[in-house]
Amino acid sequence: MIELDRHGDVFTLTMNAGENRWNTTFVRALAEVLDEVESCTGPAALVTLSADTKFFSNGLDLDWVADPKAHPEGGDRDVFGDEFMKLMGRLITFPMPTIAAINGHAFGAGFMCALCHDVRFMRADRGFVCANEMQLGLRIPDPELALFRHKLPMNVFFETVQLARRWGGQAAMDAGIVQHISDIDLLTEAAMAKANELAPLAAKRDIYGGQKERLFGEGAAINDANGAAYMLRNLDQYH
């Protein structure tokens, strides 16, 4: 379901569950792999990709959501929302550089997963990233809206969450959703090269992960009611 490899300072996490739809079993499998990655010391980076070149992740396991008793392999439906959101919170503050190599469609929860990475690479020729909740008639939870707002420019944020726009590779890069596009044959290589470049930043995990907490965690600096100029002039009020 989740395969983990290491090449020098770079871990590659390969989602290998077909369309990589999210249920409790999938959440727990990914969390277990992150435990292993986080247990290492020294410079390191993580690249996440899919074994399926059509789907990076096709979002929620909708069949399981609709009838969990008919799909017991998906795990406990009642705990899914909490465990999934906590996993995304862990990933966005992971104490090493993270790169999502989006080698296929990333919809809904799959798009969330990609956005929780520090850097996103995407194939240029095929595939879309999309928050498709509006198309499915689902309400987007506030924590998910906050994630998208943190990661996307405002006009892109609105088109993404309200209009359910599908972003192809070039459009996603132009919009600032992804930082790099390439042919599928070169995507993993490019992501690995970026990961090797960024891995030294994780030599001090408390600094790298701690600053992510200051960006995205409780009382985050970029959420302050005051502007940057006020904060700069009143440093004694901030820690």
C-alpha atoms as a PDB file:
ATOM      1  CA  MET A   1       0.000   0.000   0.000  1.00  0.00           C
ATOM      2  CA  ILE A   2       2.865   2.366   0.904  1.00  0.00           C
ATOM      3  CA  GLU A   3       6.432   1.622  -0.187  1.00  0.00           C
ATOM      4  CA  LEU A   4       9.438   3.373   1.309  1.00  0.00           C
ATOM      5  CA  ASP A   5      12.937   3.537  -0.144  1.00  0.00           C
ATOM      6  CA  ARG A   6      15.999   5.562   0.714  1.00  0.00           C
ATOM      7  CA  HIS A   7      18.702   6.871  -1.591  1.00  0.00           C
ATOM      8  CA  GLY A   8      21.330   8.699   0.421  1.00  0.00           C
ATOM      9  CA  ASP A   9      19.602  11.547   2.207  1.00  0.00           C
ATOM     10  CA  VAL A  10      16.348  11.208   0.249  1.00  0.00           C
ATOM     11  CA  PHE A  11      13.406   9.000   1.174  1.00  0.00           C
ATOM     12  CA  THR A  12      10.877   8.128  -1.528  1.00  0.00           C
ATOM     13  CA  LEU A  13       7.373   7.324  -0.332  1.00  0.00           C
ATOM     14  CA  THR A  14       5.415   5.594  -3.085  1.00  0.00           C
ATOM     15  CA  MET A  15       1.656   5.265  -2.696  1.00  0.00           C
ATOM     16  CA  ASN A  16       0.819   1.904  -4.236  1.00  0.00           C
ATOM     17  CA  ALA A  17      -2.898   1.350  -3.732  1.00  0.00           C
ATOM     18  CA  GLY A  18      -4.265   1.865  -7.225  1.00  0.00           C
ATOM     19  CA  GLU A  19      -6.030   5.231  -7.240  1.00  0.00           C
ATOM     20  CA  ASN A  20      -4.708   5.840  -3.705  1.00  0.00           C
ATOM     21  CA  ARG A  21      -8.097   6.721  -2.275  1.00  0.00           C
ATOM     22  CA  TRP A  22      -8.198   7.785   1.345  1.00  0.00           C
ATOM     23  CA  ASN A  23      -9.730   5.678   4.083  1.00  0.00           C
ATOM     24  CA  THR A  24      -8.621   4.959   7.641  1.00  0.00           C
ATOM     25  CA  THR A  25      -6.453   2.014   6.617  1.00  0.00           C
ATOM     26  CA  PHE A  26      -4.600   4.172   4.086  1.00  0.00           C
ATOM     27  CA  VAL A  27      -4.160   7.010   6.604  1.00  0.00           C
ATOM     28  CA  ARG A  28      -2.640   4.668   9.168  1.00  0.00           C
ATOM     29  CA  ALA A  29      -0.346   3.016   6.643  1.00  0.00           C
ATOM     30  CA  LEU A  30       1.045   6.383   5.578  1.00  0.00           C
ATOM     31  CA  ALA A  31       1.414   7.530   9.191  1.00  0.00           C
ATOM     32  CA  GLU A  32       3.423   4.413  10.002  1.00  0.00           C
ATOM     33  CA  VAL A  33       5.815   5.129   7.148  1.00  0.00           C
ATOM     34  CA  LEU A  34       6.212   8.738   8.283  1.00  0.00           C
ATOM     35  CA  ASP A  35       7.185   7.411  11.716  1.00  0.00           C
ATOM     36  CA  GLU A  36      10.048   5.518  10.105  1.00  0.00           C
ATOM     37  CA  VAL A  37      11.177   8.512   8.076  1.00  0.00           C
ATOM     38  CA  GLU A  38      11.050  10.849  11.058  1.00  0.00           C
ATOM     39  CA  SER A  39      13.102   8.488  13.215  1.00  0.00           C
ATOM     40  CA  CYS A  40      16.238   9.126  11.157  1.00  0.00           C
ATOM     41  CA  THR A  41      18.782  11.796  12.052  1.00  0.00           C
ATOM     42  CA  GLY A  42      20.838  14.250  10.030  1.00  0.00           C
ATOM     43  CA  PRO A  43      20.120  15.748   6.604  1.00  0.00           C
ATOM     44  CA  ALA A  44      17.078  14.239   4.948  1.00  0.00           C
ATOM     45  CA  ALA A  45      14.199  14.983   2.597  1.00  0.00           C
ATOM     46  CA  LEU A  46      11.052  13.163   1.522  1.00  0.00           C
ATOM     47  CA  VAL A  47       9.638  12.703  -1.987  1.00  0.00           C
ATOM     48  CA  THR A  48       6.057  11.442  -2.260  1.00  0.00           C
ATOM     49  CA  LEU A  49       4.747   9.946  -5.485  1.00  0.00           C
ATOM     50  CA  SER A  50       2.346   7.334  -6.814  1.00  0.00           C
ATOM     51  CA  ALA A  51       3.009   3.994  -8.448  1.00  0.00           C
ATOM     52  CA  ASP A  52       0.045   4.749 -10.737  1.00  0.00           C
ATOM     53  CA  THR A  53       0.911   7.357 -13.357  1.00  0.00           C
ATOM     54  CA  LYS A  54      -2.777   8.149 -13.914  1.00  0.00           C
ATOM     55  CA  PHE A  55      -3.583   8.990 -10.294  1.00  0.00           C
ATOM     56  CA  PHE A  56      -1.405  10.604  -7.666  1.00  0.00           C
ATOM     57  CA  SER A  57      -4.468  10.278  -5.444  1.00  0.00           C
ATOM     58  CA  ASN A  58      -8.131  10.263  -6.443  1.00  0.00           C
ATOM     59  CA  GLY A  59      -9.401  11.620  -3.124  1.00  0.00           C
ATOM     60  CA  LEU A  60     -11.732  10.008  -0.622  1.00  0.00           C
ATOM     61  CA  ASP A  61     -12.682   6.356  -0.873  1.00  0.00           C
ATOM     62  CA  LEU A  62     -16.288   7.270  -1.674  1.00  0.00           C
ATOM     63  CA  ASP A  63     -17.586   3.707  -1.833  1.00  0.00           C
ATOM     64  CA  TRP A  64     -16.244   3.103   1.662  1.00  0.00           C
ATOM     65  CA  VAL A  65     -17.620   6.418   2.931  1.00  0.00           C
ATOM     66  CA  ALA A  66     -21.087   5.575   1.581  1.00  0.00           C
ATOM     67  CA  ASP A  67     -21.143   2.018   2.943  1.00  0.00           C
ATOM     68  CA  PRO A  68     -18.245   1.214   5.286  1.00  0.00           C
ATOM     69  CA  LYS A  69     -19.750  -2.122   6.323  1.00  0.00           C
ATOM     70  CA  ALA A  70     -19.517  -3.307   2.728  1.00  0.00           C
ATOM     71  CA  HIS A  71     -15.861  -2.288   2.593  1.00  0.00           C
ATOM     72  CA  PRO A  72     -14.333  -3.336   5.934  1.00  0.00           C
ATOM     73  CA  GLU A  73     -10.850  -3.179   4.423  1.00  0.00           C
ATOM     74  CA  GLY A  74     -11.118   0.639   4.672  1.00  0.00           C
ATOM     75  CA  GLY A  75     -11.092   0.535   8.458  1.00  0.00           C
ATOM     76  CA  ASP A  76     -13.087   2.425  11.084  1.00  0.00           C
ATOM     77  CA  ARG A  77     -15.183   5.103   9.369  1.00  0.00           C
ATOM     78  CA  ASP A  78     -15.949   6.969  12.610  1.00  0.00           C
ATOM     79  CA  VAL A  79     -12.343   7.990  13.278  1.00  0.00           C
ATOM     80  CA  PHE A  80     -11.379   8.826   9.703  1.00  0.00           C
ATOM     81  CA  GLY A  81     -12.009  12.581   9.678  1.00  0.00           C
ATOM     82  CA  ASP A  82      -9.979  13.225  12.816  1.00  0.00           C
ATOM     83  CA  GLU A  83      -7.111  10.908  11.880  1.00  0.00           C
ATOM     84  CA  PHE A  84      -6.895  12.189   8.299  1.00  0.00           C
ATOM     85  CA  MET A  85      -6.835  15.855   9.321  1.00  0.00           C
ATOM     86  CA  LYS A  86      -4.219  15.163  11.993  1.00  0.00           C
ATOM     87  CA  LEU A  87      -2.093  13.362   9.412  1.00  0.00           C
ATOM     88  CA  MET A  88      -2.307  16.395   7.117  1.00  0.00           C
ATOM     89  CA  GLY A  89      -1.360  18.611  10.061  1.00  0.00           C
ATOM     90  CA  ARG A  90       1.627  16.395  10.687  1.00  0.00           C
ATOM     91  CA  LEU A  91       2.670  16.424   7.068  1.00  0.00           C
ATOM     92  CA  ILE A  92       2.488  20.199   6.654  1.00  0.00           C
ATOM     93  CA  THR A  93       4.808  20.596   9.668  1.00  0.00           C
ATOM     94  CA  PHE A  94       7.039  17.599   8.920  1.00  0.00           C
ATOM     95  CA  PRO A  95      10.544  18.403  10.193  1.00  0.00           C
ATOM     96  CA  MET A  96      12.329  17.912   6.891  1.00  0.00           C
ATOM     97  CA  PRO A  97      11.835  19.184   3.322  1.00  0.00           C
ATOM     98  CA  THR A  98       8.997  17.408   1.533  1.00  0.00           C
ATOM     99  CA  ILE A  99       8.379  17.280  -2.219  1.00  0.00           C
ATOM    100  CA  ALA A 100       5.220  15.962  -3.854  1.00  0.00           C
ATOM    101  CA  ALA A 101       5.882  14.511  -7.307  1.00  0.00           C
ATOM    102  CA  ILE A 102       2.366  14.753  -8.713  1.00  0.00           C
ATOM    103  CA  ASN A 103       2.564  12.178 -11.485  1.00  0.00           C
ATOM    104  CA  GLY A 104      -1.195  11.887 -12.036  1.00  0.00           C
ATOM    105  CA  HIS A 105      -4.534  13.366 -10.992  1.00  0.00           C
ATOM    106  CA  ALA A 106      -4.697  14.750  -7.446  1.00  0.00           C
ATOM    107  CA  PHE A 107      -8.299  15.361  -6.404  1.00  0.00           C
ATOM    108  CA  GLY A 108      -9.829  16.371  -3.085  1.00  0.00           C
ATOM    109  CA  ALA A 109      -7.935  14.696  -0.257  1.00  0.00           C
ATOM    110  CA  GLY A 110      -5.148  13.836  -2.698  1.00  0.00           C
ATOM    111  CA  PHE A 111      -4.766  17.508  -3.563  1.00  0.00           C
ATOM    112  CA  MET A 112      -4.696  18.316   0.151  1.00  0.00           C
ATOM    113  CA  CYS A 113      -1.881  15.824   0.621  1.00  0.00           C
ATOM    114  CA  ALA A 114       0.118  17.422  -2.188  1.00  0.00           C
ATOM    115  CA  LEU A 115      -0.429  20.917  -0.769  1.00  0.00           C
ATOM    116  CA  CYS A 116       0.843  19.808   2.628  1.00  0.00           C
ATOM    117  CA  HIS A 117       4.254  19.235   1.059  1.00  0.00           C
ATOM    118  CA  ASP A 118       6.786  22.059   0.976  1.00  0.00           C
ATOM    119  CA  VAL A 119       7.313  21.860  -2.784  1.00  0.00           C
ATOM    120  CA  ARG A 120       5.188  20.435  -5.580  1.00  0.00           C
ATOM    121  CA  PHE A 121       6.421  19.084  -8.918  1.00  0.00           C
ATOM    122  CA  MET A 122       3.873  18.029 -11.536  1.00  0.00           C
ATOM    123  CA  ARG A 123       3.871  16.268 -14.878  1.00  0.00           C
ATOM    124  CA  ALA A 124       3.351  18.705 -17.728  1.00  0.00           C
ATOM    125  CA  ASP A 125       1.378  16.654 -20.222  1.00  0.00           C
ATOM    126  CA  ARG A 126      -1.486  15.053 -18.306  1.00  0.00           C
ATOM    127  CA  GLY A 127      -3.262  15.165 -14.979  1.00  0.00           C
ATOM    128  CA  PHE A 128      -5.131  17.762 -12.938  1.00  0.00           C
ATOM    129  CA  VAL A 129      -5.120  19.028  -9.380  1.00  0.00           C
ATOM    130  CA  CYS A 130      -8.578  19.899  -8.129  1.00  0.00           C
ATOM    131  CA  ALA A 131     -10.610  20.441  -4.970  1.00  0.00           C
ATOM    132  CA  ASN A 132     -13.733  18.760  -6.290  1.00  0.00           C
ATOM    133  CA  GLU A 133     -15.941  18.926  -3.196  1.00  0.00           C
ATOM    134  CA  MET A 134     -18.349  21.396  -4.822  1.00  0.00           C
ATOM    135  CA  GLN A 135     -18.827  19.023  -7.740  1.00  0.00           C
ATOM    136  CA  LEU A 136     -19.575  16.194  -5.310  1.00  0.00           C
ATOM    137  CA  GLY A 137     -21.973  18.293  -3.215  1.00  0.00           C
ATOM    138  CA  LEU A 138     -19.713  18.168  -0.164  1.00  0.00           C
ATOM    139  CA  ARG A 139     -19.004  20.943   2.328  1.00  0.00           C
ATOM    140  CA  ILE A 140     -15.328  21.819   2.650  1.00  0.00           C
ATOM    141  CA  PRO A 141     -14.338  21.793   6.350  1.00  0.00           C
ATOM    142  CA  ASP A 142     -12.768  24.940   7.780  1.00  0.00           C
ATOM    143  CA  PRO A 143      -9.359  23.311   8.392  1.00  0.00           C
ATOM    144  CA  GLU A 144      -9.202  22.328   4.727  1.00  0.00           C
ATOM    145  CA  LEU A 145     -10.144  25.855   3.651  1.00  0.00           C
ATOM    146  CA  ALA A 146      -7.390  27.186   5.911  1.00  0.00           C
ATOM    147  CA  LEU A 147      -4.878  24.844   4.282  1.00  0.00           C
ATOM    148  CA  PHE A 148      -5.808  26.020   0.797  1.00  0.00           C
ATOM    149  CA  ARG A 149      -5.730  29.649   1.887  1.00  0.00           C
ATOM    150  CA  HIS A 150      -2.242  29.265   3.329  1.00  0.00           C
ATOM    151  CA  LYS A 151      -0.886  27.585   0.216  1.00  0.00           C
ATOM    152  CA  LEU A 152      -2.591  29.428  -2.659  1.00  0.00           C
ATOM    153  CA  PRO A 153      -2.812  33.044  -3.849  1.00  0.00           C
ATOM    154  CA  MET A 154      -6.247  34.519  -3.118  1.00  0.00           C
ATOM    155  CA  ASN A 155      -7.627  34.501  -6.673  1.00  0.00           C
ATOM    156  CA  VAL A 156      -6.366  30.947  -7.179  1.00  0.00           C
ATOM    157  CA  PHE A 157      -7.803  29.964  -3.796  1.00  0.00           C
ATOM    158  CA  PHE A 158     -11.301  31.148  -4.791  1.00  0.00           C
ATOM    159  CA  GLU A 159     -11.263  29.447  -8.181  1.00  0.00           C
ATOM    160  CA  THR A 160     -10.014  26.270  -6.551  1.00  0.00           C
ATOM    161  CA  VAL A 161     -12.374  25.885  -3.606  1.00  0.00           C
ATOM    162  CA  GLN A 162     -15.473  27.695  -4.882  1.00  0.00           C
ATOM    163  CA  LEU A 163     -15.453  27.000  -8.614  1.00  0.00           C
ATOM    164  CA  ALA A 164     -13.765  23.574  -8.420  1.00  0.00           C
ATOM    165  CA  ARG A 165     -11.365  24.526 -11.186  1.00  0.00           C
ATOM    166  CA  ARG A 166      -9.161  21.762 -12.510  1.00  0.00           C
ATOM    167  CA  TRP A 167      -5.588  22.900 -12.940  1.00  0.00           C
ATOM    168  CA  GLY A 168      -3.370  21.201 -15.516  1.00  0.00           C
ATOM    169  CA  GLY A 169       0.400  21.262 -15.225  1.00  0.00           C
ATOM    170  CA  GLN A 170       1.223  24.530 -16.984  1.00  0.00           C
ATOM    171  CA  ALA A 171      -1.764  26.371 -15.510  1.00  0.00           C
ATOM    172  CA  ALA A 172      -0.912  25.058 -12.031  1.00  0.00           C
ATOM    173  CA  MET A 173       2.627  26.363 -12.311  1.00  0.00           C
ATOM    174  CA  ASP A 174       1.488  29.723 -13.676  1.00  0.00           C
ATOM    175  CA  ALA A 175      -0.936  29.986 -10.745  1.00  0.00           C
ATOM    176  CA  GLY A 176       1.753  29.180  -8.172  1.00  0.00           C
ATOM    177  CA  ILE A 177       0.197  25.880  -7.109  1.00  0.00           C
ATOM    178  CA  VAL A 178       3.256  23.883  -8.210  1.00  0.00           C
ATOM    179  CA  GLN A 179       6.839  25.020  -8.534  1.00  0.00           C
ATOM    180  CA  HIS A 180       8.023  22.862 -11.423  1.00  0.00           C
ATOM    181  CA  ILE A 181       6.588  20.860 -14.310  1.00  0.00           C
ATOM    182  CA  SER A 182       8.314  18.287 -16.494  1.00  0.00           C
ATOM    183  CA  ASP A 183       7.722  15.287 -18.704  1.00  0.00           C
ATOM    184  CA  ILE A 184       6.626  12.230 -16.756  1.00  0.00           C
ATOM    185  CA  ASP A 185       9.873  10.421 -17.566  1.00  0.00           C
ATOM    186  CA  LEU A 186      11.864  13.184 -15.865  1.00  0.00           C
ATOM    187  CA  LEU A 187       9.544  14.031 -12.992  1.00  0.00           C
ATOM    188  CA  THR A 188      10.923  11.717 -10.320  1.00  0.00           C
ATOM    189  CA  GLU A 189      14.502  12.553 -11.239  1.00  0.00           C
ATOM    190  CA  ALA A 190      13.755  16.273 -10.955  1.00  0.00           C
ATOM    191  CA  ALA A 191      12.011  15.813  -7.614  1.00  0.00           C
ATOM    192  CA  MET A 192      14.916  13.745  -6.295  1.00  0.00           C
ATOM    193  CA  ALA A 193      17.395  16.406  -7.368  1.00  0.00           C
ATOM    194  CA  LYS A 194      15.390  19.058  -5.514  1.00  0.00           C
ATOM    195  CA  ALA A 195      15.170  16.828  -2.464  1.00  0.00           C
ATOM    196  CA  ASN A 196      18.950  16.355  -2.427  1.00  0.00           C
ATOM    197  CA  GLU A 197      19.354  20.121  -2.696  1.00  0.00           C
ATOM    198  CA  LEU A 198      17.037  20.771   0.257  1.00  0.00           C
ATOM    199  CA  ALA A 199      18.012  17.837   2.512  1.00  0.00           C
ATOM    200  CA  PRO A 200      20.713  19.783   4.438  1.00  0.00           C
ATOM    201  CA  LEU A 201      17.992  22.084   5.779  1.00  0.00           C
ATOM    202  CA  ALA A 202      16.804  19.204   7.964  1.00  0.00           C
ATOM    203  CA  ALA A 203      20.120  18.804   9.771  1.00  0.00           C
ATOM    204  CA  LYS A 204      18.525  20.674  12.666  1.00  0.00           C
ATOM    205  CA  ARG A 205      15.027  19.217  12.796  1.00  0.00           C
ATOM    206  CA  ASP A 206      13.890  21.403  15.665  1.00  0.00           C
ATOM    207  CA  ILE A 207      14.632  24.524  13.635  1.00  0.00           C
ATOM    208  CA  TYR A 208      13.134  23.288  10.356  1.00  0.00           C
ATOM    209  CA  GLY A 209      10.033  21.755  11.897  1.00  0.00           C
ATOM    210  CA  GLY A 210       9.704  24.509  14.486  1.00  0.00           C
ATOM    211  CA  GLN A 211       9.508  27.236  11.887  1.00  0.00           C
ATOM    212  CA  LYS A 212       6.769  25.317  10.080  1.00  0.00           C
ATOM    213  CA  GLU A 213       4.843  25.330  13.353  1.00  0.00           C
ATOM    214  CA  ARG A 214       5.281  29.106  13.500  1.00  0.00           C
ATOM    215  CA  LEU A 215       3.982  29.357   9.935  1.00  0.00           C
ATOM    216  CA  PHE A 216       1.054  26.968  10.219  1.00  0.00           C
ATOM    217  CA  GLY A 217       0.474  26.144  13.882  1.00  0.00           C
ATOM    218  CA  GLU A 218      -1.301  27.815  16.792  1.00  0.00           C
ATOM    219  CA  GLY A 219      -0.887  31.598  16.830  1.00  0.00           C
ATOM    220  CA  ALA A 220       0.941  31.473  13.490  1.00  0.00           C
ATOM    221  CA  ALA A 221       2.780  34.686  12.600  1.00  0.00           C
ATOM    222  CA  ILE A 222       1.118  35.047   9.202  1.00  0.00           C
ATOM    223  CA  ASN A 223      -2.310  34.843  10.861  1.00  0.00           C
ATOM    224  CA  ASP A 224      -1.677  37.781  13.172  1.00  0.00           C
ATOM    225  CA  ALA A 225      -4.255  40.550  13.129  1.00  0.00           C
ATOM    226  CA  ASN A 226      -1.488  43.116  12.773  1.00  0.00           C
ATOM    227  CA  GLY A 227       0.590  43.729   9.678  1.00  0.00           C
ATOM    228  CA  ALA A 228       4.248  42.874   9.233  1.00  0.00           C
ATOM    229  CA  ALA A 229       5.365  46.488   9.790  1.00  0.00           C
ATOM    230  CA  TYR A 230       3.671  46.602  13.199  1.00  0.00           C
ATOM    231  CA  MET A 231       5.169  43.261  14.135  1.00  0.00           C
ATOM    232  CA  LEU A 232       8.642  44.374  13.063  1.00  0.00           C
ATOM    233  CA  ARG A 233       8.350  47.561  15.122  1.00  0.00           C
ATOM    234  CA  ASN A 234       7.047  45.713  18.189  1.00  0.00           C
ATOM    235  CA  LEU A 235       9.283  42.681  18.375  1.00  0.00           C
ATOM    236  CA  ASP A 236       8.917  42.500  22.156  1.00  0.00           C
ATOM    237  CA  GLN A 237       5.287  41.383  21.699  1.00  0.00           C
ATOM    238  CA  TYR A 238       6.268  38.330  19.635  1.00  0.00           C
ATOM    239  CA  HIS A 239       8.229  35.226  20.492  1.00  0.00           C
END
